[in-house]
């Protein structure tokens, strides 16, 4: 697992992190991980599956539409390319 070193952190910031961690009942390291996770992976980020599902609902697609596409799909195996 990757490790990150933070240099030149002020004493005040370190103290504030320790107090915040204690308030949440966890270690300073766990608190920093939580802060970083929330900063770079916010819960409101776009999720591909949810976006595709919403798009198909807006277009009025149903399971029957997808089944029709699946039946019409060419299932013939691809022919390998020959470089000879």
PDB file of N, CA and C in Angstrom:
ATOM      1  N   UNK A   1       0.848  -1.173   0.000  1.00  0.00           N
ATOM      2  CA  UNK A   1       0.000   0.000   0.000  1.00  0.00           C
ATOM      3  C   UNK A   1       0.897   1.241   0.000  1.00  0.00           C
ATOM      4  N   UNK A   2       0.573   2.250  -0.795  1.00  0.00           N
ATOM      5  CA  UNK A   2       1.393   3.448  -0.876  1.00  0.00           C
ATOM      6  C   UNK A   2       1.414   4.206   0.452  1.00  0.00           C
ATOM      7  N   UNK A   3       2.496   4.909   0.683  1.00  0.00           N
ATOM      8  CA  UNK A   3       2.638   5.754   1.866  1.00  0.00           C
ATOM      9  C   UNK A   3       2.958   7.166   1.406  1.00  0.00           C
ATOM     10  N   UNK A   4       2.505   8.152   2.163  1.00  0.00           N
ATOM     11  CA  UNK A   4       2.729   9.548   1.835  1.00  0.00           C
ATOM     12  C   UNK A   4       3.362  10.222   3.045  1.00  0.00           C
ATOM     13  N   UNK A   5       4.390  11.000   2.793  1.00  0.00           N
ATOM     14  CA  UNK A   5       5.020  11.786   3.847  1.00  0.00           C
ATOM     15  C   UNK A   5       4.674  13.249   3.619  1.00  0.00           C
ATOM     16  N   UNK A   6       4.226  13.923   4.662  1.00  0.00           N
ATOM     17  CA  UNK A   6       3.885  15.338   4.559  1.00  0.00           C
ATOM     18  C   UNK A   6       4.940  16.119   5.329  1.00  0.00           C
ATOM     19  N   UNK A   7       5.703  16.909   4.621  1.00  0.00           N
ATOM     20  CA  UNK A   7       6.764  17.702   5.242  1.00  0.00           C
ATOM     21  C   UNK A   7       6.271  19.114   5.541  1.00  0.00           C
ATOM     22  N   UNK A   8       6.948  19.760   6.472  1.00  0.00           N
ATOM     23  CA  UNK A   8       6.717  21.169   6.809  1.00  0.00           C
ATOM     24  C   UNK A   8       5.293  21.449   7.279  1.00  0.00           C
ATOM     25  N   UNK A   9       4.696  20.507   7.978  1.00  0.00           N
ATOM     26  CA  UNK A   9       3.379  20.700   8.567  1.00  0.00           C
ATOM     27  C   UNK A   9       3.559  21.502   9.850  1.00  0.00           C
ATOM     28  N   UNK A  10       2.844  22.575   9.987  1.00  0.00           N
ATOM     29  CA  UNK A  10       3.024  23.428  11.172  1.00  0.00           C
ATOM     30  C   UNK A  10       2.566  22.687  12.431  1.00  0.00           C
ATOM     31  N   UNK A  11       3.127  23.076  13.551  1.00  0.00           N
ATOM     32  CA  UNK A  11       2.738  22.482  14.834  1.00  0.00           C
ATOM     33  C   UNK A  11       1.256  22.707  15.111  1.00  0.00           C
ATOM     34  N   UNK A  12       0.758  23.879  14.748  1.00  0.00           N
ATOM     35  CA  UNK A  12      -0.654  24.189  14.973  1.00  0.00           C
ATOM     36  C   UNK A  12      -1.557  23.256  14.170  1.00  0.00           C
ATOM     37  N   UNK A  13      -1.188  23.013  12.922  1.00  0.00           N
ATOM     38  CA  UNK A  13      -1.978  22.114  12.074  1.00  0.00           C
ATOM     39  C   UNK A  13      -1.931  20.694  12.615  1.00  0.00           C
ATOM     40  N   UNK A  14      -0.777  20.259  13.042  1.00  0.00           N
ATOM     41  CA  UNK A  14      -0.638  18.908  13.589  1.00  0.00           C
ATOM     42  C   UNK A  14      -1.474  18.762  14.849  1.00  0.00           C
ATOM     43  N   UNK A  15      -1.428  19.770  15.714  1.00  0.00           N
ATOM     44  CA  UNK A  15      -2.233  19.744  16.938  1.00  0.00           C
ATOM     45  C   UNK A  15      -3.722  19.700  16.596  1.00  0.00           C
ATOM     46  N   UNK A  16      -4.135  20.506  15.618  1.00  0.00           N
ATOM     47  CA  UNK A  16      -5.539  20.538  15.208  1.00  0.00           C
ATOM     48  C   UNK A  16      -5.982  19.181  14.648  1.00  0.00           C
ATOM     49  N   UNK A  17      -5.097  18.538  13.897  1.00  0.00           N
ATOM     50  CA  UNK A  17      -5.414  17.204  13.368  1.00  0.00           C
ATOM     51  C   UNK A  17      -5.581  16.201  14.497  1.00  0.00           C
ATOM     52  N   UNK A  18      -4.693  16.270  15.481  1.00  0.00           N
ATOM     53  CA  UNK A  18      -4.771  15.346  16.613  1.00  0.00           C
ATOM     54  C   UNK A  18      -6.068  15.553  17.398  1.00  0.00           C
ATOM     55  N   UNK A  19      -6.453  16.809  17.603  1.00  0.00           N
ATOM     56  CA  UNK A  19      -7.700  17.096  18.313  1.00  0.00           C
ATOM     57  C   UNK A  19      -8.920  16.623  17.521  1.00  0.00           C
ATOM     58  N   UNK A  20      -8.877  16.879  16.231  1.00  0.00           N
ATOM     59  CA  UNK A  20      -9.989  16.437  15.373  1.00  0.00           C
ATOM     60  C   UNK A  20     -10.107  14.920  15.391  1.00  0.00           C
ATOM     61  N   UNK A  21      -8.964  14.223  15.306  1.00  0.00           N
ATOM     62  CA  UNK A  21      -8.961  12.762  15.335  1.00  0.00           C
ATOM     63  C   UNK A  21      -9.518  12.254  16.659  1.00  0.00           C
ATOM     64  N   UNK A  22      -9.090  12.865  17.759  1.00  0.00           N
ATOM     65  CA  UNK A  22      -9.583  12.451  19.071  1.00  0.00           C
ATOM     66  C   UNK A  22     -11.093  12.659  19.166  1.00  0.00           C
ATOM     67  N   UNK A  23     -11.563  13.750  18.594  1.00  0.00           N
ATOM     68  CA  UNK A  23     -13.005  14.011  18.595  1.00  0.00           C
ATOM     69  C   UNK A  23     -13.792  12.972  17.824  1.00  0.00           C
ATOM     70  N   UNK A  24     -13.165  12.363  16.829  1.00  0.00           N
ATOM     71  CA  UNK A  24     -13.819  11.318  16.035  1.00  0.00           C
ATOM     72  C   UNK A  24     -13.475   9.915  16.538  1.00  0.00           C
ATOM     73  N   UNK A  25     -12.656   9.847  17.603  1.00  0.00           N
ATOM     74  CA  UNK A  25     -12.319   8.548  18.193  1.00  0.00           C
ATOM     75  C   UNK A  25     -11.401   7.698  17.335  1.00  0.00           C
ATOM     76  N   UNK A  26     -10.470   8.321  16.638  1.00  0.00           N
ATOM     77  CA  UNK A  26      -9.543   7.548  15.805  1.00  0.00           C
ATOM     78  C   UNK A  26      -8.154   8.168  15.862  1.00  0.00           C
ATOM     79  N   UNK A  27      -7.204   7.482  15.266  1.00  0.00           N
ATOM     80  CA  UNK A  27      -5.826   7.957  15.258  1.00  0.00           C
ATOM     81  C   UNK A  27      -5.679   9.147  14.312  1.00  0.00           C
ATOM     82  N   UNK A  28      -4.604   9.893  14.499  1.00  0.00           N
ATOM     83  CA  UNK A  28      -4.326  11.017  13.607  1.00  0.00           C
ATOM     84  C   UNK A  28      -4.155  10.526  12.175  1.00  0.00           C
ATOM     85  N   UNK A  29      -3.479   9.401  12.011  1.00  0.00           N
ATOM     86  CA  UNK A  29      -3.279   8.844  10.672  1.00  0.00           C
ATOM     87  C   UNK A  29      -4.609   8.483  10.021  1.00  0.00           C
ATOM     88  N   UNK A  30      -5.516   7.865  10.785  1.00  0.00           N
ATOM     89  CA  UNK A  30      -6.836   7.509  10.245  1.00  0.00           C
ATOM     90  C   UNK A  30      -7.624   8.768   9.895  1.00  0.00           C
ATOM     91  N   UNK A  31      -7.471   9.810  10.701  1.00  0.00           N
ATOM     92  CA  UNK A  31      -8.167  11.067  10.422  1.00  0.00           C
ATOM     93  C   UNK A  31      -7.667  11.687   9.123  1.00  0.00           C
ATOM     94  N   UNK A  32      -6.358  11.678   8.929  1.00  0.00           N
ATOM     95  CA  UNK A  32      -5.776  12.228   7.700  1.00  0.00           C
ATOM     96  C   UNK A  32      -6.248  11.429   6.492  1.00  0.00           C
ATOM     97  N   UNK A  33      -6.294  10.091   6.624  1.00  0.00           N
ATOM     98  CA  UNK A  33      -6.801   9.262   5.515  1.00  0.00           C
ATOM     99  C   UNK A  33      -8.229   9.643   5.173  1.00  0.00           C
ATOM    100  N   UNK A  34      -9.067   9.844   6.206  1.00  0.00           N
ATOM    101  CA  UNK A  34     -10.462  10.196   5.983  1.00  0.00           C
ATOM    102  C   UNK A  34     -10.583  11.556   5.293  1.00  0.00           C
ATOM    103  N   UNK A  35      -9.785  12.520   5.721  1.00  0.00           N
ATOM    104  CA  UNK A  35      -9.811  13.853   5.115  1.00  0.00           C
ATOM    105  C   UNK A  35      -9.411  13.769   3.640  1.00  0.00           C
ATOM    106  N   UNK A  36      -8.346  13.043   3.353  1.00  0.00           N
ATOM    107  CA  UNK A  36      -7.888  12.911   1.964  1.00  0.00           C
ATOM    108  C   UNK A  36      -8.919  12.178   1.104  1.00  0.00           C
ATOM    109  N   UNK A  37      -9.484  11.112   1.636  1.00  0.00           N
ATOM    110  CA  UNK A  37     -10.500  10.349   0.897  1.00  0.00           C
ATOM    111  C   UNK A  37     -11.687  11.243   0.539  1.00  0.00           C
ATOM    112  N   UNK A  38     -12.154  12.022   1.508  1.00  0.00           N
ATOM    113  CA  UNK A  38     -13.299  12.909   1.264  1.00  0.00           C
ATOM    114  C   UNK A  38     -12.956  13.990   0.245  1.00  0.00           C
ATOM    115  N   UNK A  39     -11.714  14.429   0.244  1.00  0.00           N
ATOM    116  CA  UNK A  39     -11.313  15.494  -0.673  1.00  0.00           C
ATOM    117  C   UNK A  39     -11.205  15.019  -2.113  1.00  0.00           C
ATOM    118  N   UNK A  40     -10.698  13.815  -2.327  1.00  0.00           N
ATOM    119  CA  UNK A  40     -10.453  13.370  -3.698  1.00  0.00           C
ATOM    120  C   UNK A  40     -11.522  12.426  -4.237  1.00  0.00           C
ATOM    121  N   UNK A  41     -12.361  11.889  -3.365  1.00  0.00           N
ATOM    122  CA  UNK A  41     -13.427  10.993  -3.814  1.00  0.00           C
ATOM    123  C   UNK A  41     -14.747  11.383  -3.164  1.00  0.00           C
ATOM    124  N   UNK A  42     -15.273  12.556  -3.525  1.00  0.00           N
ATOM    125  CA  UNK A  42     -16.515  13.013  -2.908  1.00  0.00           C
ATOM    126  C   UNK A  42     -17.680  12.083  -3.256  1.00  0.00           C
ATOM    127  N   UNK A  43     -18.629  11.936  -2.336  1.00  0.00           N
ATOM    128  CA  UNK A  43     -19.749  11.005  -2.584  1.00  0.00           C
ATOM    129  C   UNK A  43     -20.640  11.424  -3.749  1.00  0.00           C
ATOM    130  N   UNK A  44     -20.650  12.709  -4.120  1.00  0.00           N
ATOM    131  CA  UNK A  44     -21.509  13.162  -5.216  1.00  0.00           C
ATOM    132  C   UNK A  44     -20.845  13.037  -6.578  1.00  0.00           C
ATOM    133  N   UNK A  45     -19.693  12.337  -6.641  1.00  0.00           N
ATOM    134  CA  UNK A  45     -19.009  12.189  -7.922  1.00  0.00           C
ATOM    135  C   UNK A  45     -19.880  11.369  -8.895  1.00  0.00           C
ATOM    136  N   UNK A  46     -19.648  11.588 -10.174  1.00  0.00           N
ATOM    137  CA  UNK A  46     -20.402  10.889 -11.204  1.00  0.00           C
ATOM    138  C   UNK A  46     -20.020   9.414 -11.222  1.00  0.00           C
ATOM    139  N   UNK A  47     -20.997   8.567 -11.161  1.00  0.00           N
ATOM    140  CA  UNK A  47     -20.775   7.126 -11.239  1.00  0.00           C
ATOM    141  C   UNK A  47     -21.323   6.667 -12.588  1.00  0.00           C
ATOM    142  N   UNK A  48     -20.492   5.969 -13.350  1.00  0.00           N
ATOM    143  CA  UNK A  48     -20.820   5.618 -14.728  1.00  0.00           C
ATOM    144  C   UNK A  48     -22.114   4.811 -14.826  1.00  0.00           C
ATOM    145  N   UNK A  49     -22.266   3.792 -13.998  1.00  0.00           N
ATOM    146  CA  UNK A  49     -23.466   2.958 -14.055  1.00  0.00           C
ATOM    147  C   UNK A  49     -24.726   3.760 -13.799  1.00  0.00           C
ATOM    148  N   UNK A  50     -24.681   4.631 -12.807  1.00  0.00           N
ATOM    149  CA  UNK A  50     -25.838   5.465 -12.487  1.00  0.00           C
ATOM    150  C   UNK A  50     -26.145   6.426 -13.627  1.00  0.00           C
ATOM    151  N   UNK A  51     -25.095   6.988 -14.238  1.00  0.00           N
ATOM    152  CA  UNK A  51     -25.299   7.923 -15.349  1.00  0.00           C
ATOM    153  C   UNK A  51     -25.927   7.215 -16.547  1.00  0.00           C
ATOM    154  N   UNK A  52     -25.449   6.016 -16.865  1.00  0.00           N
ATOM    155  CA  UNK A  52     -26.013   5.262 -17.996  1.00  0.00           C
ATOM    156  C   UNK A  52     -27.458   4.866 -17.728  1.00  0.00           C
ATOM    157  N   UNK A  53     -27.745   4.472 -16.495  1.00  0.00           N
ATOM    158  CA  UNK A  53     -29.111   4.099 -16.130  1.00  0.00           C
ATOM    159  C   UNK A  53     -30.051   5.293 -16.278  1.00  0.00           C
ATOM    160  N   UNK A  54     -29.627   6.456 -15.796  1.00  0.00           N
ATOM    161  CA  UNK A  54     -30.452   7.665 -15.918  1.00  0.00           C
ATOM    162  C   UNK A  54     -30.655   8.040 -17.376  1.00  0.00           C
ATOM    163  N   UNK A  55     -29.609   7.907 -18.181  1.00  0.00           N
ATOM    164  CA  UNK A  55     -29.702   8.231 -19.602  1.00  0.00           C
ATOM    165  C   UNK A  55     -30.714   7.331 -20.307  1.00  0.00           C
ATOM    166  N   UNK A  56     -30.698   6.031 -19.995  1.00  0.00           N
ATOM    167  CA  UNK A  56     -31.641   5.116 -20.648  1.00  0.00           C
ATOM    168  C   UNK A  56     -33.072   5.394 -20.194  1.00  0.00           C
ATOM    169  N   UNK A  57     -33.256   5.781 -18.923  1.00  0.00           N
ATOM    170  CA  UNK A  57     -34.603   6.139 -18.450  1.00  0.00           C
ATOM    171  C   UNK A  57     -35.108   7.380 -19.171  1.00  0.00           C
ATOM    172  N   UNK A  58     -34.225   8.385 -19.325  1.00  0.00           N
ATOM    173  CA  UNK A  58     -34.620   9.611 -20.017  1.00  0.00           C
ATOM    174  C   UNK A  58     -34.974   9.346 -21.474  1.00  0.00           C
ATOM    175  N   UNK A  59     -34.294   8.382 -22.086  1.00  0.00           N
ATOM    176  CA  UNK A  59     -34.568   8.051 -23.487  1.00  0.00           C
ATOM    177  C   UNK A  59     -35.789   7.146 -23.618  1.00  0.00           C
ATOM    178  N   UNK A  60     -36.323   6.669 -22.489  1.00  0.00           N
ATOM    179  CA  UNK A  60     -37.517   5.820 -22.522  1.00  0.00           C
ATOM    180  C   UNK A  60     -37.228   4.378 -22.903  1.00  0.00           C
ATOM    181  N   UNK A  61     -35.997   3.921 -22.717  1.00  0.00           N
ATOM    182  CA  UNK A  61     -35.646   2.539 -23.047  1.00  0.00           C
ATOM    183  C   UNK A  61     -36.143   1.592 -21.965  1.00  0.00           C
ATOM    184  N   UNK A  62     -36.473   0.384 -22.390  1.00  0.00           N
ATOM    185  CA  UNK A  62     -36.944  -0.638 -21.449  1.00  0.00           C
ATOM    186  C   UNK A  62     -36.091  -1.891 -21.620  1.00  0.00           C
ATOM    187  N   UNK A  63     -36.336  -2.872 -20.770  1.00  0.00           N
ATOM    188  CA  UNK A  63     -35.615  -4.147 -20.896  1.00  0.00           C
ATOM    189  C   UNK A  63     -35.911  -4.805 -22.240  1.00  0.00           C
ATOM    190  N   UNK A  64     -37.100  -4.622 -22.764  1.00  0.00           N
ATOM    191  CA  UNK A  64     -37.456  -5.204 -24.057  1.00  0.00           C
ATOM    192  C   UNK A  64     -36.578  -4.635 -25.170  1.00  0.00           C
ATOM    193  N   UNK A  65     -36.263  -3.357 -25.072  1.00  0.00           N
ATOM    194  CA  UNK A  65     -35.374  -2.744 -26.074  1.00  0.00           C
ATOM    195  C   UNK A  65     -34.003  -3.400 -26.048  1.00  0.00           C
ATOM    196  N   UNK A  66     -33.483  -3.623 -24.851  1.00  0.00           N
ATOM    197  CA  UNK A  66     -32.164  -4.245 -24.731  1.00  0.00           C
ATOM    198  C   UNK A  66     -32.187  -5.705 -25.174  1.00  0.00           C
ATOM    199  N   UNK A  67     -33.281  -6.394 -24.886  1.00  0.00           N
ATOM    200  CA  UNK A  67     -33.414  -7.785 -25.336  1.00  0.00           C
ATOM    201  C   UNK A  67     -33.447  -7.850 -26.857  1.00  0.00           C
ATOM    202  N   UNK A  68     -34.129  -6.897 -27.504  1.00  0.00           N
ATOM    203  CA  UNK A  68     -34.182  -6.861 -28.970  1.00  0.00           C
ATOM    204  C   UNK A  68     -32.790  -6.612 -29.544  1.00  0.00           C
ATOM    205  N   UNK A  69     -32.024  -5.736 -28.917  1.00  0.00           N
ATOM    206  CA  UNK A  69     -30.656  -5.496 -29.374  1.00  0.00           C
ATOM    207  C   UNK A  69     -29.800  -6.745 -29.220  1.00  0.00           C
ATOM    208  N   UNK A  70     -29.986  -7.444 -28.127  1.00  0.00           N
ATOM    209  CA  UNK A  70     -29.211  -8.669 -27.881  1.00  0.00           C
ATOM    210  C   UNK A  70     -29.558  -9.738 -28.916  1.00  0.00           C
ATOM    211  N   UNK A  71     -30.833  -9.868 -29.291  1.00  0.00           N
ATOM    212  CA  UNK A  71     -31.236 -10.860 -30.297  1.00  0.00           C
ATOM    213  C   UNK A  71     -30.676 -10.505 -31.676  1.00  0.00           C
ATOM    214  N   UNK A  72     -30.585  -9.206 -31.982  1.00  0.00           N
ATOM    215  CA  UNK A  72     -30.120  -8.771 -33.297  1.00  0.00           C
ATOM    216  C   UNK A  72     -28.593  -8.764 -33.400  1.00  0.00           C
ATOM    217  N   UNK A  73     -27.916  -8.917 -32.294  1.00  0.00           N
ATOM    218  CA  UNK A  73     -26.448  -8.846 -32.283  1.00  0.00           C
ATOM    219  C   UNK A  73     -25.851 -10.018 -33.041  1.00  0.00           C
ATOM    220  N   UNK A  74     -24.807  -9.745 -33.805  1.00  0.00           N
ATOM    221  CA  UNK A  74     -24.090 -10.779 -34.542  1.00  0.00           C
ATOM    222  C   UNK A  74     -23.220 -11.558 -33.549  1.00  0.00           C
ATOM    223  N   UNK A  75     -23.470 -12.861 -33.444  1.00  0.00           N
ATOM    224  CA  UNK A  75     -22.719 -13.687 -32.487  1.00  0.00           C
ATOM    225  C   UNK A  75     -21.648 -14.522 -33.177  1.00  0.00           C
ATOM    226  N   UNK A  76     -21.398 -14.233 -34.458  1.00  0.00           N
ATOM    227  CA  UNK A  76     -20.363 -14.959 -35.185  1.00  0.00           C
ATOM    228  C   UNK A  76     -18.997 -14.594 -34.610  1.00  0.00           C
ATOM    229  N   UNK A  77     -18.171 -15.598 -34.282  1.00  0.00           N
ATOM    230  CA  UNK A  77     -16.864 -15.280 -33.734  1.00  0.00           C
ATOM    231  C   UNK A  77     -16.022 -14.507 -34.763  1.00  0.00           C
ATOM    232  N   UNK A  78     -15.223 -13.591 -34.256  1.00  0.00           N
ATOM    233  CA  UNK A  78     -14.360 -12.808 -35.130  1.00  0.00           C
ATOM    234  C   UNK A  78     -13.274 -13.679 -35.723  1.00  0.00           C
ATOM    235  N   UNK A  79     -12.892 -13.380 -36.956  1.00  0.00           N
ATOM    236  CA  UNK A  79     -11.799 -14.104 -37.605  1.00  0.00           C
ATOM    237  C   UNK A  79     -10.480 -13.450 -37.215  1.00  0.00           C
ATOM    238  N   UNK A  80      -9.530 -14.241 -36.717  1.00  0.00           N
ATOM    239  CA  UNK A  80      -8.247 -13.643 -36.325  1.00  0.00           C
ATOM    240  C   UNK A  80      -7.533 -13.013 -37.508  1.00  0.00           C
ATOM    241  N   UNK A  81      -6.831 -11.947 -37.273  1.00  0.00           N
ATOM    242  CA  UNK A  81      -6.085 -11.250 -38.312  1.00  0.00           C
ATOM    243  C   UNK A  81      -4.801 -12.035 -38.575  1.00  0.00           C
ATOM    244  N   UNK A  82      -4.463 -12.188 -39.836  1.00  0.00           N
ATOM    245  CA  UNK A  82      -3.240 -12.852 -40.221  1.00  0.00           C
ATOM    246  C   UNK A  82      -2.283 -11.822 -40.788  1.00  0.00           C
ATOM    247  N   UNK A  83      -1.057 -11.812 -40.280  1.00  0.00           N
ATOM    248  CA  UNK A  83      -0.059 -10.861 -40.760  1.00  0.00           C
ATOM    249  C   UNK A  83       0.934 -11.508 -41.717  1.00  0.00           C
ATOM    250  N   UNK A  84       0.583 -12.664 -42.207  1.00  0.00           N
ATOM    251  CA  UNK A  84       1.468 -13.393 -43.117  1.00  0.00           C
ATOM    252  C   UNK A  84       1.163 -13.094 -44.563  1.00  0.00           C
TER     253      UNK A  84
END
